[in-house]
Amino acid sequence: MPKKEQAKNNILEKKVDTLDKKVGVLDIKVDTLDKKVGVLDKKVDTLAKGFDQHCKEDKAEHKKIMVDLKKEMKDSEERVLLHFDVLAEALKDEIKTIAEQYGSIRENMEIMKDDAELMKAELYRKTDYADFTSLEQRVTVLEKKVA
């Protein structure tokens, strides 16, 4: 494989690896977010039990607060997930673009390789180096005789 093609392949592989790492980081962040939301849900439930035990007279107020908190958490979770979906879509587009560029580069390299082989064969067909050296020596002898 020619050095240029190998270098381009290495660059593309590094870009794909970078994108894979970014997607992995996003997956980890989403998992972490899910865990944090679960922890928050447990904490909210624990707080709810404590409120019920200590403030039965404020039960209606408490329920309203809990509903609002859960709604706020749900809204926050939806915004974060939407953000991650947008990021994931952008990464998919970048990966698709790189894959298309890679395919185009491979096609161009194959064409250039075929062209180089044709030129090489044509060059060997037109002139043999030994014949060229022999003709060059004869011309040099003739030039000396004429001069």
Protein backbone atom coordinates (compact mmCIF):
# COMPACT_ATOMS: atom_id res chain seq x y z
CA MET A 1 0.00 0.00 0.00
CA PRO A 2 1.56 3.38 -0.96
CA LYS A 3 2.67 5.63 1.87
CA LYS A 4 0.17 8.40 1.00
CA GLU A 5 -2.74 5.98 1.00
CA GLN A 6 -1.52 4.45 4.27
CA ALA A 7 -1.20 7.93 5.80
CA LYS A 8 -4.71 8.87 4.69
CA ASN A 9 -6.02 5.56 6.02
CA ASN A 10 -4.28 6.21 9.35
CA ILE A 11 -5.82 9.69 9.57
CA LEU A 12 -9.27 8.31 8.81
CA GLU A 13 -8.82 5.52 11.34
CA LYS A 14 -7.78 8.08 13.99
CA LYS A 15 -10.87 10.19 13.21
CA VAL A 16 -13.14 7.15 13.44
CA ASP A 17 -11.44 6.12 16.72
CA THR A 18 -11.94 9.65 18.06
CA LEU A 19 -15.61 9.57 17.10
CA ASP A 20 -15.98 6.12 18.69
CA LYS A 21 -14.44 7.49 21.90
CA LYS A 22 -16.83 10.46 21.85
CA VAL A 23 -19.80 8.14 21.40
CA GLY A 24 -18.46 6.00 24.26
CA VAL A 25 -18.16 9.08 26.46
CA LEU A 26 -21.72 10.05 25.58
CA ASP A 27 -22.94 6.56 26.49
CA ILE A 28 -21.14 6.78 29.83
CA LYS A 29 -22.64 10.21 30.50
CA VAL A 30 -26.15 8.97 29.68
CA ASP A 31 -25.65 5.96 31.98
CA THR A 32 -24.34 8.25 34.72
CA LEU A 33 -27.29 10.55 34.23
CA ASP A 34 -29.72 7.63 34.47
CA LYS A 35 -28.04 6.53 37.72
CA LYS A 36 -28.21 10.05 39.13
CA VAL A 37 -31.89 10.33 38.20
CA GLY A 38 -32.48 6.98 39.95
CA VAL A 39 -30.65 8.22 43.03
CA LEU A 40 -32.67 11.44 42.94
CA ASP A 41 -35.90 9.45 42.65
CA LYS A 42 -34.90 7.41 45.72
CA LYS A 43 -34.00 10.55 47.65
CA VAL A 44 -37.29 12.17 46.70
CA ASP A 45 -39.15 9.07 47.83
CA THR A 46 -37.22 9.04 51.12
CA LEU A 47 -38.00 12.72 51.67
CA ALA A 48 -41.64 12.03 50.93
CA LYS A 49 -41.80 9.39 53.63
CA GLY A 50 -40.12 11.71 56.14
CA PHE A 51 -42.49 14.53 55.36
CA ASP A 52 -45.49 12.26 55.74
CA GLN A 53 -44.30 11.14 59.16
CA HIS A 54 -43.46 14.60 60.48
CA CYS A 55 -46.00 16.83 58.75
CA LYS A 56 -49.28 15.05 58.19
CA GLU A 57 -51.13 18.36 58.31
CA ASP A 58 -49.07 19.57 55.33
CA LYS A 59 -49.74 16.47 53.25
CA ALA A 60 -51.55 18.31 50.43
CA GLU A 61 -48.71 20.86 50.19
CA HIS A 62 -46.17 18.07 50.23
CA LYS A 63 -47.85 16.20 47.39
CA LYS A 64 -47.88 19.33 45.27
CA ILE A 65 -44.16 19.87 45.92
CA MET A 66 -43.40 16.24 45.04
CA VAL A 67 -45.36 16.44 41.80
CA ASP A 68 -43.54 19.63 40.87
CA LEU A 69 -40.15 18.11 41.71
CA LYS A 70 -40.83 14.99 39.70
CA LYS A 71 -42.10 17.07 36.78
CA GLU A 72 -38.99 19.24 36.93
CA MET A 73 -36.76 16.16 37.04
CA LYS A 74 -38.62 14.62 34.13
CA ASP A 75 -38.34 17.84 32.11
CA SER A 76 -34.63 18.05 32.90
CA GLU A 77 -34.10 14.43 31.92
CA GLU A 78 -35.95 14.97 28.63
CA ARG A 79 -33.83 18.03 27.81
CA VAL A 80 -30.61 16.15 28.52
CA LEU A 81 -31.70 13.13 26.48
CA LEU A 82 -32.71 15.40 23.61
CA HIS A 83 -29.30 17.06 23.76
CA PHE A 84 -27.57 13.67 23.67
CA ASP A 85 -29.75 12.59 20.74
CA VAL A 86 -28.68 15.70 18.82
CA LEU A 87 -25.02 15.00 19.61
CA ALA A 88 -25.36 11.36 18.60
CA GLU A 89 -27.00 12.36 15.30
CA ALA A 90 -24.18 14.83 14.59
CA LEU A 91 -21.60 12.11 15.28
CA LYS A 92 -23.42 9.73 12.96
CA ASP A 93 -23.32 12.36 10.20
CA GLU A 94 -19.59 12.91 10.77
CA ILE A 95 -18.91 9.17 10.66
CA LYS A 96 -20.95 8.85 7.46
CA THR A 97 -19.00 11.73 5.86
CA ILE A 98 -15.68 10.16 6.81
CA ALA A 99 -16.78 6.79 5.44
CA GLU A 100 -17.81 8.41 2.14
CA GLN A 101 -14.51 10.28 1.92
CA TYR A 102 -12.60 7.09 2.67
CA GLY A 103 -14.41 5.25 -0.13
CA SER A 104 -13.69 8.08 -2.56
CA ILE A 105 -10.02 8.15 -1.59
CA ARG A 106 -9.73 4.38 -2.08
CA GLU A 107 -11.28 4.65 -5.55
CA ASN A 108 -8.93 7.50 -6.52
CA MET A 109 -5.92 5.59 -5.21
CA GLU A 110 -6.88 2.53 -7.28
CA ILE A 111 -7.20 4.70 -10.39
CA MET A 112 -3.82 6.34 -9.75
CA LYS A 113 -2.24 2.93 -9.10
CA ASP A 114 -3.58 1.61 -12.42
CA ASP A 115 -2.37 4.76 -14.23
CA ALA A 116 1.10 4.43 -12.71
CA GLU A 117 1.31 0.80 -13.79
CA LEU A 118 0.34 1.76 -17.35
CA MET A 119 2.92 4.56 -17.46
CA LYS A 120 5.60 2.26 -16.07
CA ALA A 121 4.86 -0.40 -18.68
CA GLU A 122 4.81 2.23 -21.45
CA LEU A 123 8.14 3.65 -20.30
CA TYR A 124 9.79 0.23 -20.28
CA ARG A 125 8.35 -0.50 -23.71
CA LYS A 126 9.62 2.74 -25.24
CA THR A 127 13.21 2.68 -24.00
CA ASP A 128 15.51 0.01 -22.68
CA TYR A 129 18.18 1.56 -20.44
CA ALA A 130 21.00 -0.46 -21.99
CA ASP A 131 19.99 0.66 -25.50
CA PHE A 132 19.80 4.25 -24.29
CA THR A 133 23.31 4.08 -22.80
CA SER A 134 24.68 2.55 -25.99
CA LEU A 135 23.07 5.25 -28.16
CA GLU A 136 24.37 7.96 -25.84
CA GLN A 137 27.95 6.66 -26.21
CA ARG A 138 27.63 6.50 -30.00
CA VAL A 139 26.36 10.09 -30.14
CA THR A 140 29.27 11.21 -27.94
CA VAL A 141 31.78 9.50 -30.32
CA LEU A 142 30.13 11.09 -33.36
CA GLU A 143 30.16 14.53 -31.73
CA LYS A 144 33.90 14.20 -31.08
CA LYS A 145 34.54 13.22 -34.70
CA VAL A 146 32.53 16.17 -36.02
CA ALA A 147 34.19 18.66 -33.68
